[in-house]
C-alpha atoms as a PDB file:
ATOM      1  CA  PRO A   1     -31.084   1.915  10.151  1.00  0.00           C
ATOM      2  CA  TYR A   2     -28.278   0.656   7.877  1.00  0.00           C
ATOM      3  CA  GLU A   3     -26.130   3.776   7.912  1.00  0.00           C
ATOM      4  CA  HIS A   4     -22.472   3.488   8.891  1.00  0.00           C
ATOM      5  CA  VAL A   5     -22.454  -0.283   8.503  1.00  0.00           C
ATOM      6  CA  ASP A   6     -18.848  -1.251   7.831  1.00  0.00           C
ATOM      7  CA  TYR A   7     -19.001  -5.031   8.124  1.00  0.00           C
ATOM      8  CA  PRO A   8     -18.073  -6.939   6.105  1.00  0.00           C
ATOM      9  CA  THR A   9     -15.120  -5.011   4.798  1.00  0.00           C
ATOM     10  CA  GLN A  10     -15.916  -5.554   1.129  1.00  0.00           C
ATOM     11  CA  LYS A  11     -18.987  -3.338   1.647  1.00  0.00           C
ATOM     12  CA  ARG A  12     -21.631  -5.934   0.899  1.00  0.00           C
ATOM     13  CA  GLN A  13     -24.778  -5.300   2.844  1.00  0.00           C
ATOM     14  CA  LEU A  14     -27.691  -7.601   3.447  1.00  0.00           C
ATOM     15  CA  ARG A  15     -30.999  -6.107   4.472  1.00  0.00           C
ATOM     16  CA  PHE A  16     -33.387  -8.077   6.637  1.00  0.00           C
ATOM     17  CA  ARG A  17     -36.392  -7.221   8.746  1.00  0.00           C
ATOM     18  CA  ALA A  18     -35.706  -6.733  12.430  1.00  0.00           C
ATOM     19  CA  GLY A  19     -35.809 -10.112  14.133  1.00  0.00           C
ATOM     20  CA  GLN A  20     -35.584 -12.081  10.891  1.00  0.00           C
ATOM     21  CA  ILE A  21     -33.559 -15.254  11.139  1.00  0.00           C
ATOM     22  CA  VAL A  22     -30.887 -15.582   8.464  1.00  0.00           C
ATOM     23  CA  SER A  23     -30.086 -19.125   7.421  1.00  0.00           C
ATOM     24  CA  GLN A  24     -26.490 -20.260   7.079  1.00  0.00           C
ATOM     25  CA  ALA A  25     -27.187 -21.154   3.430  1.00  0.00           C
ATOM     26  CA  LEU A  26     -28.303 -17.586   2.674  1.00  0.00           C
ATOM     27  CA  TRP A  27     -25.276 -16.130   4.460  1.00  0.00           C
ATOM     28  CA  ASP A  28     -22.891 -18.507   2.657  1.00  0.00           C
ATOM     29  CA  ALA A  29     -24.434 -17.629  -0.700  1.00  0.00           C
ATOM     30  CA  ALA A  30     -23.921 -13.914  -0.052  1.00  0.00           C
ATOM     31  CA  PHE A  31     -20.336 -14.338   1.178  1.00  0.00           C
ATOM     32  CA  PRO A  32     -18.821 -17.411  -0.507  1.00  0.00           C
ATOM     33  CA  ALA A  33     -15.488 -18.752   0.646  1.00  0.00           C
ATOM     34  CA  PRO A  34     -12.634 -18.211  -1.794  1.00  0.00           C
ATOM     35  CA  THR A  35     -10.791 -20.955  -3.658  1.00  0.00           C
ATOM     36  CA  ILE A  36      -7.191 -21.112  -4.910  1.00  0.00           C
ATOM     37  CA  ASP A  37      -6.518 -22.958  -8.156  1.00  0.00           C
ATOM     38  CA  THR A  38      -3.006 -21.809  -9.081  1.00  0.00           C
ATOM     39  CA  VAL A  39      -0.098 -19.827  -7.672  1.00  0.00           C
ATOM     40  CA  PHE A  40       2.305 -18.574 -10.363  1.00  0.00           C
ATOM     41  CA  PRO A  41       5.188 -18.612 -10.146  1.00  0.00           C
ATOM     42  CA  ALA A  42       5.237 -21.313  -7.482  1.00  0.00           C
ATOM     43  CA  THR A  43       8.874 -20.663  -6.531  1.00  0.00           C
ATOM     44  CA  GLY A  44      10.869 -17.624  -5.522  1.00  0.00           C
ATOM     45  CA  ALA A  45      13.745 -16.248  -3.510  1.00  0.00           C
ATOM     46  CA  ALA A  46      13.853 -16.574   0.273  1.00  0.00           C
ATOM     47  CA  ALA A  47      14.451 -12.826   0.406  1.00  0.00           C
ATOM     48  CA  GLY A  48      10.849 -12.339  -0.759  1.00  0.00           C
ATOM     49  CA  GLY A  49       9.785  -9.768  -3.314  1.00  0.00           C
ATOM     50  CA  THR A  50       8.470 -12.224  -5.911  1.00  0.00           C
ATOM     51  CA  ALA A  51       5.418 -10.933  -7.789  1.00  0.00           C
ATOM     52  CA  VAL A  52       2.837 -13.733  -7.734  1.00  0.00           C
ATOM     53  CA  THR A  53      -0.476 -14.200  -9.532  1.00  0.00           C
ATOM     54  CA  ILE A  54      -3.106 -16.289  -7.755  1.00  0.00           C
ATOM     55  CA  THR A  55      -6.128 -17.615  -9.628  1.00  0.00           C
ATOM     56  CA  GLY A  56      -9.237 -19.107  -8.090  1.00  0.00           C
ATOM     57  CA  SER A  57     -12.606 -17.665  -7.156  1.00  0.00           C
ATOM     58  CA  GLY A  58     -14.346 -15.530  -4.563  1.00  0.00           C
ATOM     59  CA  PHE A  59     -11.653 -12.852  -4.245  1.00  0.00           C
ATOM     60  CA  THR A  60     -12.796  -9.431  -3.014  1.00  0.00           C
ATOM     61  CA  THR A  61     -11.050  -6.132  -2.458  1.00  0.00           C
ATOM     62  CA  ALA A  62     -10.720  -7.132   1.193  1.00  0.00           C
ATOM     63  CA  THR A  63      -8.875 -10.398   0.445  1.00  0.00           C
ATOM     64  CA  THR A  64      -5.733 -11.006   2.458  1.00  0.00           C
ATOM     65  CA  VAL A  65      -2.995 -13.454   1.475  1.00  0.00           C
ATOM     66  CA  THR A  66      -0.370 -15.178   3.593  1.00  0.00           C
ATOM     67  CA  PHE A  67       2.620 -17.334   2.725  1.00  0.00           C
ATOM     68  CA  GLY A  68       3.371 -19.686   5.591  1.00  0.00           C
ATOM     69  CA  GLY A  69       1.472 -17.377   7.938  1.00  0.00           C
ATOM     70  CA  THR A  70       3.312 -14.204   6.883  1.00  0.00           C
ATOM     71  CA  ALA A  71       1.292 -11.531   5.108  1.00  0.00           C
ATOM     72  CA  ALA A  72       1.868 -10.783   1.450  1.00  0.00           C
ATOM     73  CA  THR A  73       2.190  -7.150   0.372  1.00  0.00           C
ATOM     74  CA  SER A  74       0.907  -5.120  -2.568  1.00  0.00           C
ATOM     75  CA  ILE A  75      -2.254  -7.209  -2.970  1.00  0.00           C
ATOM     76  CA  VAL A  76      -4.238  -6.172  -6.042  1.00  0.00           C
ATOM     77  CA  VAL A  77      -7.524  -7.931  -6.746  1.00  0.00           C
ATOM     78  CA  LYS A  78      -7.979  -7.753 -10.511  1.00  0.00           C
ATOM     79  CA  ASN A  79     -11.364  -9.498 -10.402  1.00  0.00           C
ATOM     80  CA  ALA A  80     -13.135 -12.221  -8.417  1.00  0.00           C
ATOM     81  CA  MET A  81     -10.884 -14.859 -10.018  1.00  0.00           C
ATOM     82  CA  THR A  82      -7.431 -13.240 -10.113  1.00  0.00           C
ATOM     83  CA  LEU A  83      -5.216 -11.347  -7.705  1.00  0.00           C
ATOM     84  CA  THR A  84      -1.568 -10.380  -7.584  1.00  0.00           C
ATOM     85  CA  CYS A  85       0.685  -9.892  -4.581  1.00  0.00           C
ATOM     86  CA  VAL A  86       4.315  -9.802  -3.498  1.00  0.00           C
ATOM     87  CA  THR A  87       5.808 -12.552  -1.341  1.00  0.00           C
ATOM     88  CA  PRO A  88       7.274 -11.844   2.091  1.00  0.00           C
ATOM     89  CA  ALA A  89      10.713 -13.107   3.104  1.00  0.00           C
ATOM     90  CA  LYS A  90      10.816 -16.672   4.514  1.00  0.00           C
ATOM     91  CA  THR A  91      13.440 -19.338   5.055  1.00  0.00           C
ATOM     92  CA  ALA A  92      13.893 -21.887   2.257  1.00  0.00           C
ATOM     93  CA  GLY A  93      11.134 -24.484   1.990  1.00  0.00           C
ATOM     94  CA  ALA A  94       7.561 -25.073   0.859  1.00  0.00           C
ATOM     95  CA  TYR A  95       4.768 -23.073   2.480  1.00  0.00           C
ATOM     96  CA  ASP A  96       0.994 -22.970   2.375  1.00  0.00           C
ATOM     97  CA  VAL A  97      -0.608 -20.053   0.547  1.00  0.00           C
ATOM     98  CA  VAL A  98      -3.830 -18.864   2.211  1.00  0.00           C
ATOM     99  CA  ALA A  99      -6.378 -16.400   0.813  1.00  0.00           C
ATOM    100  CA  THR A 100      -8.923 -15.060   3.305  1.00  0.00           C
ATOM    101  CA  THR A 101     -12.154 -13.132   2.732  1.00  0.00           C
ATOM    102  CA  ALA A 102     -15.222 -12.428   4.850  1.00  0.00           C
ATOM    103  CA  GLY A 103     -16.582 -15.742   3.522  1.00  0.00           C
ATOM    104  CA  GLY A 104     -13.703 -17.852   4.800  1.00  0.00           C
ATOM    105  CA  SER A 105     -10.271 -19.053   3.776  1.00  0.00           C
ATOM    106  CA  ALA A 106      -8.741 -21.167   1.029  1.00  0.00           C
ATOM    107  CA  THR A 107      -5.407 -22.963   1.351  1.00  0.00           C
ATOM    108  CA  LYS A 108      -3.057 -24.129  -1.383  1.00  0.00           C
ATOM    109  CA  THR A 109      -0.948 -26.642   0.579  1.00  0.00           C
ATOM    110  CA  ASN A 110       2.764 -26.174  -0.165  1.00  0.00           C
ATOM    111  CA  GLY A 111       1.659 -23.684  -2.791  1.00  0.00           C
ATOM    112  CA  PHE A 112       4.895 -21.702  -2.837  1.00  0.00           C
ATOM    113  CA  THR A 113       8.489 -22.832  -2.423  1.00  0.00           C
ATOM    114  CA  TYR A 114      11.258 -20.484  -1.302  1.00  0.00           C
ATOM    115  CA  SER A 115      14.801 -21.266  -2.422  1.00  0.00           C
END
């Protein structure tokens, strides 16, 4: 009955009896929201292309990252606490960095500044 299940994208599967009610606490424990502690470096060129390391928790292979709403490229999740990515081009200014997983999103407000 669980064949060809492709949600969530990080391939975690929960097995429950048919009709079983799953509490929010159980779901949250299985798919925790990520956190962002640091973004390094925190500055880069407006042209983009800066290699950035983000530390925090809850990262999965399906984590996406945006800088001011624009997707980062070349995301590599090294482990649940560290990922690397490359910044997109943006106009000069400070932007929020957002990491998103099946468990939710984490925001580092003004986490990266383009110059």
